[in-house]
Amino acid sequence: AKPLGLLNVERYWDPLVTLLRHAAGEGFVRVDDLGWIMTAAEASDLLEQLASWKPATEPRAWLSSSQT
């Protein structure tokens, strides 16, 4: 996966971020997976976040081995 950067000018993306957090809270999305979504109101801040992003060290499967 690669990071997703949202330039959140005038809080345009706030409803989407709220929806994703709610989905994570309800178990539809892993909370850890929200870490690759980055938002900032300023382009320079967003570019810094994207440049410093590090991928997960271990890829994960959709199902654990005990679920298959």
PDB file of N, CA and C in Angstrom:
ATOM      1  N   ALA A   1       0.840  -1.189   0.000  1.00  0.00           N
ATOM      2  CA  ALA A   1       0.000   0.000   0.000  1.00  0.00           C
ATOM      3  C   ALA A   1       0.874   1.238   0.000  1.00  0.00           C
ATOM      4  N   LYS A   2       0.335   2.281  -0.521  1.00  0.00           N
ATOM      5  CA  LYS A   2       1.015   3.572  -0.533  1.00  0.00           C
ATOM      6  C   LYS A   2       0.144   4.559   0.237  1.00  0.00           C
ATOM      7  N   PRO A   3       0.757   5.610   0.750  1.00  0.00           N
ATOM      8  CA  PRO A   3      -0.034   6.574   1.518  1.00  0.00           C
ATOM      9  C   PRO A   3      -0.983   7.366   0.623  1.00  0.00           C
ATOM     10  N   LEU A   4      -2.032   7.843   1.234  1.00  0.00           N
ATOM     11  CA  LEU A   4      -3.005   8.685   0.551  1.00  0.00           C
ATOM     12  C   LEU A   4      -2.972  10.047   1.224  1.00  0.00           C
ATOM     13  N   GLY A   5      -2.692  11.078   0.468  1.00  0.00           N
ATOM     14  CA  GLY A   5      -2.643  12.429   1.012  1.00  0.00           C
ATOM     15  C   GLY A   5      -3.870  13.221   0.602  1.00  0.00           C
ATOM     16  N   LEU A   6      -4.547  13.792   1.576  1.00  0.00           N
ATOM     17  CA  LEU A   6      -5.721  14.618   1.322  1.00  0.00           C
ATOM     18  C   LEU A   6      -5.407  16.048   1.742  1.00  0.00           C
ATOM     19  N   LEU A   7      -5.377  16.956   0.782  1.00  0.00           N
ATOM     20  CA  LEU A   7      -5.168  18.366   1.091  1.00  0.00           C
ATOM     21  C   LEU A   7      -6.506  18.908   1.592  1.00  0.00           C
ATOM     22  N   ASN A   8      -6.587  19.108   2.886  1.00  0.00           N
ATOM     23  CA  ASN A   8      -7.850  19.383   3.565  1.00  0.00           C
ATOM     24  C   ASN A   8      -8.121  20.885   3.676  1.00  0.00           C
ATOM     25  N   VAL A   9      -8.231  21.533   2.532  1.00  0.00           N
ATOM     26  CA  VAL A   9      -8.489  22.971   2.495  1.00  0.00           C
ATOM     27  C   VAL A   9      -9.913  23.228   2.979  1.00  0.00           C
ATOM     28  N   GLU A  10     -10.033  24.146   3.911  1.00  0.00           N
ATOM     29  CA  GLU A  10     -11.319  24.515   4.509  1.00  0.00           C
ATOM     30  C   GLU A  10     -12.086  23.291   5.017  1.00  0.00           C
ATOM     31  N   ARG A  11     -11.323  22.290   5.489  1.00  0.00           N
ATOM     32  CA  ARG A  11     -11.872  21.083   6.118  1.00  0.00           C
ATOM     33  C   ARG A  11     -12.776  20.284   5.172  1.00  0.00           C
ATOM     34  N   TYR A  12     -12.481  20.366   3.884  1.00  0.00           N
ATOM     35  CA  TYR A  12     -13.284  19.703   2.859  1.00  0.00           C
ATOM     36  C   TYR A  12     -13.388  18.196   3.097  1.00  0.00           C
ATOM     37  N   TRP A  13     -12.294  17.552   3.494  1.00  0.00           N
ATOM     38  CA  TRP A  13     -12.251  16.096   3.642  1.00  0.00           C
ATOM     39  C   TRP A  13     -12.673  15.609   5.031  1.00  0.00           C
ATOM     40  N   ASP A  14     -13.052  16.486   5.928  1.00  0.00           N
ATOM     41  CA  ASP A  14     -13.448  16.067   7.276  1.00  0.00           C
ATOM     42  C   ASP A  14     -14.569  15.022   7.291  1.00  0.00           C
ATOM     43  N   PRO A  15     -15.621  15.165   6.467  1.00  0.00           N
ATOM     44  CA  PRO A  15     -16.666  14.128   6.490  1.00  0.00           C
ATOM     45  C   PRO A  15     -16.146  12.739   6.094  1.00  0.00           C
ATOM     46  N   LEU A  16     -15.248  12.676   5.125  1.00  0.00           N
ATOM     47  CA  LEU A  16     -14.678  11.387   4.729  1.00  0.00           C
ATOM     48  C   LEU A  16     -13.842  10.793   5.854  1.00  0.00           C
ATOM     49  N   VAL A  17     -13.022  11.610   6.486  1.00  0.00           N
ATOM     50  CA  VAL A  17     -12.186  11.131   7.591  1.00  0.00           C
ATOM     51  C   VAL A  17     -13.069  10.646   8.741  1.00  0.00           C
ATOM     52  N   THR A  18     -14.135  11.373   9.032  1.00  0.00           N
ATOM     53  CA  THR A  18     -15.075  10.961  10.077  1.00  0.00           C
ATOM     54  C   THR A  18     -15.715   9.620   9.727  1.00  0.00           C
ATOM     55  N   LEU A  19     -16.112   9.447   8.479  1.00  0.00           N
ATOM     56  CA  LEU A  19     -16.703   8.187   8.039  1.00  0.00           C
ATOM     57  C   LEU A  19     -15.717   7.031   8.194  1.00  0.00           C
ATOM     58  N   LEU A  20     -14.467   7.240   7.793  1.00  0.00           N
ATOM     59  CA  LEU A  20     -13.463   6.178   7.898  1.00  0.00           C
ATOM     60  C   LEU A  20     -13.180   5.814   9.354  1.00  0.00           C
ATOM     61  N   ARG A  21     -13.130   6.807  10.218  1.00  0.00           N
ATOM     62  CA  ARG A  21     -12.922   6.529  11.644  1.00  0.00           C
ATOM     63  C   ARG A  21     -14.105   5.753  12.230  1.00  0.00           C
ATOM     64  N   HIS A  22     -15.297   6.119  11.817  1.00  0.00           N
ATOM     65  CA  HIS A  22     -16.487   5.395  12.274  1.00  0.00           C
ATOM     66  C   HIS A  22     -16.446   3.950  11.773  1.00  0.00           C
ATOM     67  N   ALA A  23     -16.080   3.764  10.511  1.00  0.00           N
ATOM     68  CA  ALA A  23     -15.981   2.410   9.949  1.00  0.00           C
ATOM     69  C   ALA A  23     -14.958   1.582  10.716  1.00  0.00           C
ATOM     70  N   ALA A  24     -13.861   2.196  11.112  1.00  0.00           N
ATOM     71  CA  ALA A  24     -12.850   1.486  11.908  1.00  0.00           C
ATOM     72  C   ALA A  24     -13.405   1.142  13.286  1.00  0.00           C
ATOM     73  N   GLY A  25     -14.114   2.066  13.879  1.00  0.00           N
ATOM     74  CA  GLY A  25     -14.700   1.817  15.193  1.00  0.00           C
ATOM     75  C   GLY A  25     -15.723   0.690  15.180  1.00  0.00           C
ATOM     76  N   GLU A  26     -16.397   0.516  14.045  1.00  0.00           N
ATOM     77  CA  GLU A  26     -17.398  -0.545  13.910  1.00  0.00           C
ATOM     78  C   GLU A  26     -16.789  -1.857  13.414  1.00  0.00           C
ATOM     79  N   GLY A  27     -15.490  -1.844  13.136  1.00  0.00           N
ATOM     80  CA  GLY A  27     -14.817  -3.074  12.729  1.00  0.00           C
ATOM     81  C   GLY A  27     -14.792  -3.351  11.239  1.00  0.00           C
ATOM     82  N   PHE A  28     -15.232  -2.411  10.416  1.00  0.00           N
ATOM     83  CA  PHE A  28     -15.218  -2.614   8.970  1.00  0.00           C
ATOM     84  C   PHE A  28     -13.854  -2.314   8.356  1.00  0.00           C
ATOM     85  N   VAL A  29     -13.064  -1.509   9.051  1.00  0.00           N
ATOM     86  CA  VAL A  29     -11.725  -1.128   8.608  1.00  0.00           C
ATOM     87  C   VAL A  29     -10.799  -1.295   9.802  1.00  0.00           C
ATOM     88  N   ARG A  30      -9.603  -1.788   9.569  1.00  0.00           N
ATOM     89  CA  ARG A  30      -8.634  -1.897  10.665  1.00  0.00           C
ATOM     90  C   ARG A  30      -8.157  -0.502  11.056  1.00  0.00           C
ATOM     91  N   VAL A  31      -8.110  -0.240  12.337  1.00  0.00           N
ATOM     92  CA  VAL A  31      -7.640   1.055  12.830  1.00  0.00           C
ATOM     93  C   VAL A  31      -6.225   1.324  12.319  1.00  0.00           C
ATOM     94  N   ASP A  32      -5.381   0.303  12.307  1.00  0.00           N
ATOM     95  CA  ASP A  32      -4.007   0.470  11.823  1.00  0.00           C
ATOM     96  C   ASP A  32      -3.964   0.923  10.369  1.00  0.00           C
ATOM     97  N   ASP A  33      -4.949   0.521   9.575  1.00  0.00           N
ATOM     98  CA  ASP A  33      -4.955   0.876   8.157  1.00  0.00           C
ATOM     99  C   ASP A  33      -5.267   2.352   7.920  1.00  0.00           C
ATOM    100  N   LEU A  34      -5.803   3.022   8.920  1.00  0.00           N
ATOM    101  CA  LEU A  34      -6.055   4.455   8.763  1.00  0.00           C
ATOM    102  C   LEU A  34      -4.754   5.255   8.773  1.00  0.00           C
ATOM    103  N   GLY A  35      -3.670   4.629   9.208  1.00  0.00           N
ATOM    104  CA  GLY A  35      -2.386   5.320   9.285  1.00  0.00           C
ATOM    105  C   GLY A  35      -1.807   5.729   7.947  1.00  0.00           C
ATOM    106  N   TRP A  36      -2.284   5.138   6.864  1.00  0.00           N
ATOM    107  CA  TRP A  36      -1.750   5.526   5.562  1.00  0.00           C
ATOM    108  C   TRP A  36      -2.562   6.649   4.915  1.00  0.00           C
ATOM    109  N   ILE A  37      -3.588   7.136   5.621  1.00  0.00           N
ATOM    110  CA  ILE A  37      -4.363   8.274   5.135  1.00  0.00           C
ATOM    111  C   ILE A  37      -3.912   9.507   5.906  1.00  0.00           C
ATOM    112  N   MET A  38      -3.398  10.480   5.185  1.00  0.00           N
ATOM    113  CA  MET A  38      -2.840  11.677   5.813  1.00  0.00           C
ATOM    114  C   MET A  38      -3.595  12.905   5.333  1.00  0.00           C
ATOM    115  N   THR A  39      -3.837  13.818   6.261  1.00  0.00           N
ATOM    116  CA  THR A  39      -4.512  15.062   5.910  1.00  0.00           C
ATOM    117  C   THR A  39      -3.734  16.237   6.472  1.00  0.00           C
ATOM    118  N   ALA A  40      -3.808  17.331   5.764  1.00  0.00           N
ATOM    119  CA  ALA A  40      -3.207  18.579   6.231  1.00  0.00           C
ATOM    120  C   ALA A  40      -3.864  19.725   5.471  1.00  0.00           C
ATOM    121  N   ALA A  41      -3.942  20.876   6.108  1.00  0.00           N
ATOM    122  CA  ALA A  41      -4.529  22.049   5.480  1.00  0.00           C
ATOM    123  C   ALA A  41      -3.531  22.765   4.574  1.00  0.00           C
ATOM    124  N   GLU A  42      -2.253  22.551   4.819  1.00  0.00           N
ATOM    125  CA  GLU A  42      -1.197  23.194   4.030  1.00  0.00           C
ATOM    126  C   GLU A  42      -0.460  22.150   3.197  1.00  0.00           C
ATOM    127  N   ALA A  43      -0.200  22.475   1.940  1.00  0.00           N
ATOM    128  CA  ALA A  43       0.479  21.537   1.043  1.00  0.00           C
ATOM    129  C   ALA A  43       1.852  21.145   1.565  1.00  0.00           C
ATOM    130  N   SER A  44       2.589  22.094   2.120  1.00  0.00           N
ATOM    131  CA  SER A  44       3.936  21.779   2.609  1.00  0.00           C
ATOM    132  C   SER A  44       3.884  20.771   3.757  1.00  0.00           C
ATOM    133  N   ASP A  45       2.898  20.899   4.642  1.00  0.00           N
ATOM    134  CA  ASP A  45       2.747  19.941   5.745  1.00  0.00           C
ATOM    135  C   ASP A  45       2.384  18.554   5.221  1.00  0.00           C
ATOM    136  N   LEU A  46       1.504  18.513   4.243  1.00  0.00           N
ATOM    137  CA  LEU A  46       1.102  17.234   3.670  1.00  0.00           C
ATOM    138  C   LEU A  46       2.281  16.559   2.974  1.00  0.00           C
ATOM    139  N   LEU A  47       3.066  17.325   2.242  1.00  0.00           N
ATOM    140  CA  LEU A  47       4.238  16.759   1.568  1.00  0.00           C
ATOM    141  C   LEU A  47       5.245  16.215   2.573  1.00  0.00           C
ATOM    142  N   GLU A  48       5.415  16.899   3.694  1.00  0.00           N
ATOM    143  CA  GLU A  48       6.305  16.390   4.751  1.00  0.00           C
ATOM    144  C   GLU A  48       5.806  15.053   5.292  1.00  0.00           C
ATOM    145  N   GLN A  49       4.506  14.970   5.547  1.00  0.00           N
ATOM    146  CA  GLN A  49       3.929  13.718   6.046  1.00  0.00           C
ATOM    147  C   GLN A  49       4.139  12.584   5.046  1.00  0.00           C
ATOM    148  N   LEU A  50       3.885  12.864   3.782  1.00  0.00           N
ATOM    149  CA  LEU A  50       4.039  11.835   2.755  1.00  0.00           C
ATOM    150  C   LEU A  50       5.490  11.397   2.619  1.00  0.00           C
ATOM    151  N   ALA A  51       6.413  12.352   2.711  1.00  0.00           N
ATOM    152  CA  ALA A  51       7.835  12.030   2.575  1.00  0.00           C
ATOM    153  C   ALA A  51       8.343  11.190   3.742  1.00  0.00           C
ATOM    154  N   SER A  52       7.761  11.359   4.913  1.00  0.00           N
ATOM    155  CA  SER A  52       8.243  10.633   6.089  1.00  0.00           C
ATOM    156  C   SER A  52       7.488   9.323   6.334  1.00  0.00           C
ATOM    157  N   TRP A  53       6.514   8.993   5.502  1.00  0.00           N
ATOM    158  CA  TRP A  53       5.719   7.778   5.677  1.00  0.00           C
ATOM    159  C   TRP A  53       6.579   6.542   5.482  1.00  0.00           C
ATOM    160  N   LYS A  54       6.381   5.575   6.343  1.00  0.00           N
ATOM    161  CA  LYS A  54       7.090   4.295   6.254  1.00  0.00           C
ATOM    162  C   LYS A  54       6.041   3.183   6.149  1.00  0.00           C
ATOM    163  N   PRO A  55       6.206   2.278   5.186  1.00  0.00           N
ATOM    164  CA  PRO A  55       5.231   1.190   5.053  1.00  0.00           C
ATOM    165  C   PRO A  55       5.331   0.202   6.208  1.00  0.00           C
ATOM    166  N   ALA A  56       4.287  -0.564   6.387  1.00  0.00           N
ATOM    167  CA  ALA A  56       4.294  -1.616   7.407  1.00  0.00           C
ATOM    168  C   ALA A  56       5.420  -2.592   7.086  1.00  0.00           C
ATOM    169  N   THR A  57       6.047  -3.111   8.114  1.00  0.00           N
ATOM    170  CA  THR A  57       7.184  -4.002   7.907  1.00  0.00           C
ATOM    171  C   THR A  57       6.761  -5.372   7.408  1.00  0.00           C
ATOM    172  N   GLU A  58       5.531  -5.738   7.642  1.00  0.00           N
ATOM    173  CA  GLU A  58       5.075  -7.078   7.280  1.00  0.00           C
ATOM    174  C   GLU A  58       3.728  -6.990   6.583  1.00  0.00           C
ATOM    175  N   PRO A  59       3.613  -7.506   5.363  1.00  0.00           N
ATOM    176  CA  PRO A  59       2.298  -7.478   4.714  1.00  0.00           C
ATOM    177  C   PRO A  59       1.318  -8.380   5.454  1.00  0.00           C
ATOM    178  N   ARG A  60       0.064  -7.966   5.455  1.00  0.00           N
ATOM    179  CA  ARG A  60      -0.957  -8.746   6.156  1.00  0.00           C
ATOM    180  C   ARG A  60      -1.959  -9.304   5.156  1.00  0.00           C
ATOM    181  N   ALA A  61      -2.468 -10.456   5.453  1.00  0.00           N
ATOM    182  CA  ALA A  61      -3.516 -11.067   4.636  1.00  0.00           C
ATOM    183  C   ALA A  61      -4.870 -10.580   5.141  1.00  0.00           C
ATOM    184  N   TRP A  62      -5.862 -10.727   4.317  1.00  0.00           N
ATOM    185  CA  TRP A  62      -7.204 -10.343   4.728  1.00  0.00           C
ATOM    186  C   TRP A  62      -7.685 -11.206   5.882  1.00  0.00           C
ATOM    187  N   LEU A  63      -7.368 -12.490   5.816  1.00  0.00           N
ATOM    188  CA  LEU A  63      -7.770 -13.411   6.869  1.00  0.00           C
ATOM    189  C   LEU A  63      -6.539 -13.958   7.559  1.00  0.00           C
ATOM    190  N   SER A  64      -6.639 -14.151   8.840  1.00  0.00           N
ATOM    191  CA  SER A  64      -5.536 -14.791   9.550  1.00  0.00           C
ATOM    192  C   SER A  64      -5.536 -16.276   9.206  1.00  0.00           C
ATOM    193  N   SER A  65      -4.434 -16.936   9.460  1.00  0.00           N
ATOM    194  CA  SER A  65      -4.346 -18.360   9.131  1.00  0.00           C
ATOM    195  C   SER A  65      -5.371 -19.183   9.907  1.00  0.00           C
ATOM    196  N   SER A  66      -5.764 -18.730  11.086  1.00  0.00           N
ATOM    197  CA  SER A  66      -6.763 -19.474  11.863  1.00  0.00           C
ATOM    198  C   SER A  66      -8.170 -19.333  11.282  1.00  0.00           C
ATOM    199  N   GLN A  67      -8.377 -18.335  10.441  1.00  0.00           N
ATOM    200  CA  GLN A  67      -9.695 -18.113   9.849  1.00  0.00           C
ATOM    201  C   GLN A  67      -9.878 -18.850   8.525  1.00  0.00           C
ATOM    202  N   THR A  68      -8.801 -19.429   7.995  1.00  0.00           N
ATOM    203  CA  THR A  68      -8.917 -20.100   6.690  1.00  0.00           C
ATOM    204  C   THR A  68      -9.091 -21.587   6.839  1.00  0.00           C
TER     205      THR A  68
END
